[in-house]
Amino acid sequence: VQLQASGGGLVQAGGSLRLSCVASGRIFNNNGMGWFRQAPGKEREFVAGIGWKGDFTIYADSVKGRFIISRDITKNTVYLQMNSLKPEDTAVYYCAAAYSSGVVTETLRYRYWGQGTKVTVSS
C-alpha cells in the first residue's frame, strides 16, 4: 500500500503547479482521496477531497476557486491543480486515502498517507 506524491516546487505568486499522487490500485478505486498541507509551525490542514467516483469534491475555503482536485481511475492517480498561488500556500502537501469511499475532511478519517511534496510560493 503506497501513495506517492510529486509535483511540488518553487513558484512565484500568481503561478500554478499540479500535484500528482499515484496510489496502489487496491486502495485507490474504492476510497475517497484527499490533499492536506502542513506549513512550518502549523497543524496539518485539509485542502481538498474527492469521492471514489470523482463526482463529488469539497475544498477548504482558503483554496476554493483556485485549486481543483481530480482523479484518473485508469492511472490510479489523484491530482491537485493549484492556480493563483499565494505565499500562504507554502507548505508540504500530502495526499491521503480515506477509510471510506466518500469525501471526508477530518485527518483521522484518512487511513493511508503519502510522503509529502513541498510547495514554496515566493512573493
C-alpha atoms as a PDB file:
ATOM      1  CA  VAL A   1       0.000   0.000   0.000  1.00  0.00           C
ATOM      2  CA  GLN A   2       1.653   3.165  -1.192  1.00  0.00           C
ATOM      3  CA  LEU A   3       0.844   6.742  -2.052  1.00  0.00           C
ATOM      4  CA  GLN A   4       3.493   8.595  -3.992  1.00  0.00           C
ATOM      5  CA  ALA A   5       3.093  12.355  -4.254  1.00  0.00           C
ATOM      6  CA  SER A   6       5.036  14.558  -6.653  1.00  0.00           C
ATOM      7  CA  GLY A   7       4.913  17.885  -8.464  1.00  0.00           C
ATOM      8  CA  GLY A   8       5.934  20.299  -5.769  1.00  0.00           C
ATOM      9  CA  GLY A   9       8.476  23.017  -6.297  1.00  0.00           C
ATOM     10  CA  LEU A  10       9.216  26.714  -6.187  1.00  0.00           C
ATOM     11  CA  VAL A  11       6.832  29.079  -7.949  1.00  0.00           C
ATOM     12  CA  GLN A  12       6.166  32.797  -7.914  1.00  0.00           C
ATOM     13  CA  ALA A  13       2.965  34.196  -6.513  1.00  0.00           C
ATOM     14  CA  GLY A  14       0.229  34.028  -9.110  1.00  0.00           C
ATOM     15  CA  GLY A  15       1.711  30.948 -10.712  1.00  0.00           C
ATOM     16  CA  SER A  16       0.434  27.394 -10.966  1.00  0.00           C
ATOM     17  CA  LEU A  17       1.515  23.896 -10.039  1.00  0.00           C
ATOM     18  CA  ARG A  18      -0.067  20.489 -10.457  1.00  0.00           C
ATOM     19  CA  LEU A  19       0.487  17.876  -7.810  1.00  0.00           C
ATOM     20  CA  SER A  20       0.069  14.195  -8.553  1.00  0.00           C
ATOM     21  CA  CYS A  21      -0.443  11.245  -6.251  1.00  0.00           C
ATOM     22  CA  VAL A  22      -0.136   7.712  -7.552  1.00  0.00           C
ATOM     23  CA  ALA A  23      -1.763   5.049  -5.416  1.00  0.00           C
ATOM     24  CA  SER A  24      -1.626   1.301  -5.415  1.00  0.00           C
ATOM     25  CA  GLY A  25      -4.787   0.051  -7.026  1.00  0.00           C
ATOM     26  CA  ARG A  26      -6.159  -1.725  -4.011  1.00  0.00           C
ATOM     27  CA  ILE A  27      -6.514   1.493  -2.039  1.00  0.00           C
ATOM     28  CA  PHE A  28      -7.499   3.776  -4.844  1.00  0.00           C
ATOM     29  CA  ASN A  29     -10.565   2.581  -6.669  1.00  0.00           C
ATOM     30  CA  ASN A  30     -12.788   2.279  -3.613  1.00  0.00           C
ATOM     31  CA  ASN A  31     -11.521   5.117  -1.459  1.00  0.00           C
ATOM     32  CA  GLY A  32     -12.165   8.769  -1.118  1.00  0.00           C
ATOM     33  CA  MET A  33      -8.953  10.715  -1.612  1.00  0.00           C
ATOM     34  CA  GLY A  34      -7.742  13.981  -0.195  1.00  0.00           C
ATOM     35  CA  TRP A  35      -4.979  16.526  -0.145  1.00  0.00           C
ATOM     36  CA  PHE A  36      -3.714  18.109   3.044  1.00  0.00           C
ATOM     37  CA  ARG A  37      -0.933  20.556   3.752  1.00  0.00           C
ATOM     38  CA  GLN A  38       1.263  21.482   6.657  1.00  0.00           C
ATOM     39  CA  ALA A  39       3.137  24.737   6.899  1.00  0.00           C
ATOM     40  CA  PRO A  40       6.089  25.164   9.268  1.00  0.00           C
ATOM     41  CA  GLY A  41       4.896  25.516  12.844  1.00  0.00           C
ATOM     42  CA  LYS A  42       1.294  24.810  11.934  1.00  0.00           C
ATOM     43  CA  GLU A  43      -1.014  21.826  12.130  1.00  0.00           C
ATOM     44  CA  ARG A  44      -1.831  19.752   9.108  1.00  0.00           C
ATOM     45  CA  GLU A  45      -4.950  21.087   7.416  1.00  0.00           C
ATOM     46  CA  PHE A  46      -7.424  19.800   4.884  1.00  0.00           C
ATOM     47  CA  VAL A  47      -7.137  21.261   1.397  1.00  0.00           C
ATOM     48  CA  ALA A  48      -9.400  19.260  -0.915  1.00  0.00           C
ATOM     49  CA  GLY A  49     -11.165  15.929  -1.129  1.00  0.00           C
ATOM     50  CA  ILE A  50     -12.812  13.801  -3.797  1.00  0.00           C
ATOM     51  CA  GLY A  51     -15.131  10.818  -3.631  1.00  0.00           C
ATOM     52  CA  TRP A  52     -14.316   7.437  -5.124  1.00  0.00           C
ATOM     53  CA  LYS A  53     -16.334   8.129  -8.252  1.00  0.00           C
ATOM     54  CA  GLY A  54     -14.798  11.534  -8.715  1.00  0.00           C
ATOM     55  CA  ASP A  55     -18.192  13.156  -8.934  1.00  0.00           C
ATOM     56  CA  PHE A  56     -18.145  14.954  -5.615  1.00  0.00           C
ATOM     57  CA  THR A  57     -15.489  17.310  -4.325  1.00  0.00           C
ATOM     58  CA  ILE A  58     -15.010  19.624  -1.391  1.00  0.00           C
ATOM     59  CA  TYR A  59     -12.466  22.382  -0.755  1.00  0.00           C
ATOM     60  CA  ALA A  60     -11.156  24.383   2.120  1.00  0.00           C
ATOM     61  CA  ASP A  61     -12.381  27.963   1.964  1.00  0.00           C
ATOM     62  CA  SER A  62      -8.811  29.191   1.613  1.00  0.00           C
ATOM     63  CA  VAL A  63      -8.336  27.423  -1.743  1.00  0.00           C
ATOM     64  CA  LYS A  64     -11.859  27.442  -3.149  1.00  0.00           C
ATOM     65  CA  GLY A  65     -11.902  28.842  -6.658  1.00  0.00           C
ATOM     66  CA  ARG A  66      -8.136  28.438  -7.071  1.00  0.00           C
ATOM     67  CA  PHE A  67      -7.468  24.707  -6.600  1.00  0.00           C
ATOM     68  CA  ILE A  68      -9.057  21.783  -8.401  1.00  0.00           C
ATOM     69  CA  ILE A  69      -8.904  18.176  -7.271  1.00  0.00           C
ATOM     70  CA  SER A  70      -9.483  15.379  -9.766  1.00  0.00           C
ATOM     71  CA  ARG A  71      -8.763  11.706 -10.197  1.00  0.00           C
ATOM     72  CA  ASP A  72      -7.972   9.370 -13.061  1.00  0.00           C
ATOM     73  CA  ILE A  73      -9.025   5.851 -12.185  1.00  0.00           C
ATOM     74  CA  THR A  74      -7.206   4.380 -15.173  1.00  0.00           C
ATOM     75  CA  LYS A  75      -3.928   5.759 -13.837  1.00  0.00           C
ATOM     76  CA  ASN A  76      -4.651   5.294 -10.121  1.00  0.00           C
ATOM     77  CA  THR A  77      -3.803   8.952  -9.737  1.00  0.00           C
ATOM     78  CA  VAL A  78      -5.315  11.926  -7.973  1.00  0.00           C
ATOM     79  CA  TYR A  79      -4.325  15.444  -8.943  1.00  0.00           C
ATOM     80  CA  LEU A  80      -4.371  18.842  -7.325  1.00  0.00           C
ATOM     81  CA  GLN A  81      -4.244  21.697  -9.801  1.00  0.00           C
ATOM     82  CA  MET A  82      -3.186  24.808  -7.933  1.00  0.00           C
ATOM     83  CA  ASN A  83      -3.701  28.173  -9.612  1.00  0.00           C
ATOM     84  CA  SER A  84      -3.221  31.759  -8.477  1.00  0.00           C
ATOM     85  CA  LEU A  85      -0.820  30.580  -5.825  1.00  0.00           C
ATOM     86  CA  LYS A  86      -0.127  32.778  -2.836  1.00  0.00           C
ATOM     87  CA  PRO A  87       2.801  32.830  -0.405  1.00  0.00           C
ATOM     88  CA  GLU A  88       0.455  31.495   2.279  1.00  0.00           C
ATOM     89  CA  ASP A  89       0.024  28.333   0.199  1.00  0.00           C
ATOM     90  CA  THR A  90       3.620  27.434   1.028  1.00  0.00           C
ATOM     91  CA  ALA A  91       3.601  24.051   2.780  1.00  0.00           C
ATOM     92  CA  VAL A  92       4.321  20.379   2.438  1.00  0.00           C
ATOM     93  CA  TYR A  93       1.372  18.830   0.640  1.00  0.00           C
ATOM     94  CA  TYR A  94       0.229  15.304   1.443  1.00  0.00           C
ATOM     95  CA  CYS A  95      -2.176  13.044  -0.363  1.00  0.00           C
ATOM     96  CA  ALA A  96      -4.214  10.572   1.610  1.00  0.00           C
ATOM     97  CA  ALA A  97      -6.711   7.762   1.123  1.00  0.00           C
ATOM     98  CA  ALA A  98      -9.779   7.704   3.314  1.00  0.00           C
ATOM     99  CA  TYR A  99     -11.242   4.752   5.170  1.00  0.00           C
ATOM    100  CA  SER A 100     -14.477   5.329   3.299  1.00  0.00           C
ATOM    101  CA  SER A 101     -15.488   5.880  -0.303  1.00  0.00           C
ATOM    102  CA  GLY A 102     -16.938   9.306   0.328  1.00  0.00           C
ATOM    103  CA  VAL A 103     -15.399  12.718   0.764  1.00  0.00           C
ATOM    104  CA  VAL A 104     -14.154  13.478   4.256  1.00  0.00           C
ATOM    105  CA  THR A 105     -12.252  16.408   5.685  1.00  0.00           C
ATOM    106  CA  GLU A 106     -11.010  15.188   9.040  1.00  0.00           C
ATOM    107  CA  THR A 107      -7.435  13.953   9.285  1.00  0.00           C
ATOM    108  CA  LEU A 108      -8.407  11.000  11.476  1.00  0.00           C
ATOM    109  CA  ARG A 109     -10.708   9.654   8.779  1.00  0.00           C
ATOM    110  CA  TYR A 110      -7.824   9.062   6.417  1.00  0.00           C
ATOM    111  CA  ARG A 111      -6.077   5.719   6.555  1.00  0.00           C
ATOM    112  CA  TYR A 112      -3.085   5.969   4.240  1.00  0.00           C
ATOM    113  CA  TRP A 113      -0.727   8.880   3.705  1.00  0.00           C
ATOM    114  CA  GLY A 114       1.868   9.750   1.119  1.00  0.00           C
ATOM    115  CA  GLN A 115       5.286  11.117   1.937  1.00  0.00           C
ATOM    116  CA  GLY A 116       4.531  14.736   1.042  1.00  0.00           C
ATOM    117  CA  THR A 117       5.773  17.109  -1.611  1.00  0.00           C
ATOM    118  CA  LYS A 118       6.992  20.608  -0.803  1.00  0.00           C
ATOM    119  CA  VAL A 119       5.448  23.690  -2.381  1.00  0.00           C
ATOM    120  CA  THR A 120       7.099  27.068  -1.962  1.00  0.00           C
ATOM    121  CA  VAL A 121       5.441  30.221  -3.268  1.00  0.00           C
ATOM    122  CA  SER A 122       7.618  33.301  -3.400  1.00  0.00           C
ATOM    123  CA  SER A 123       6.219  36.825  -3.239  1.00  0.00           C
END
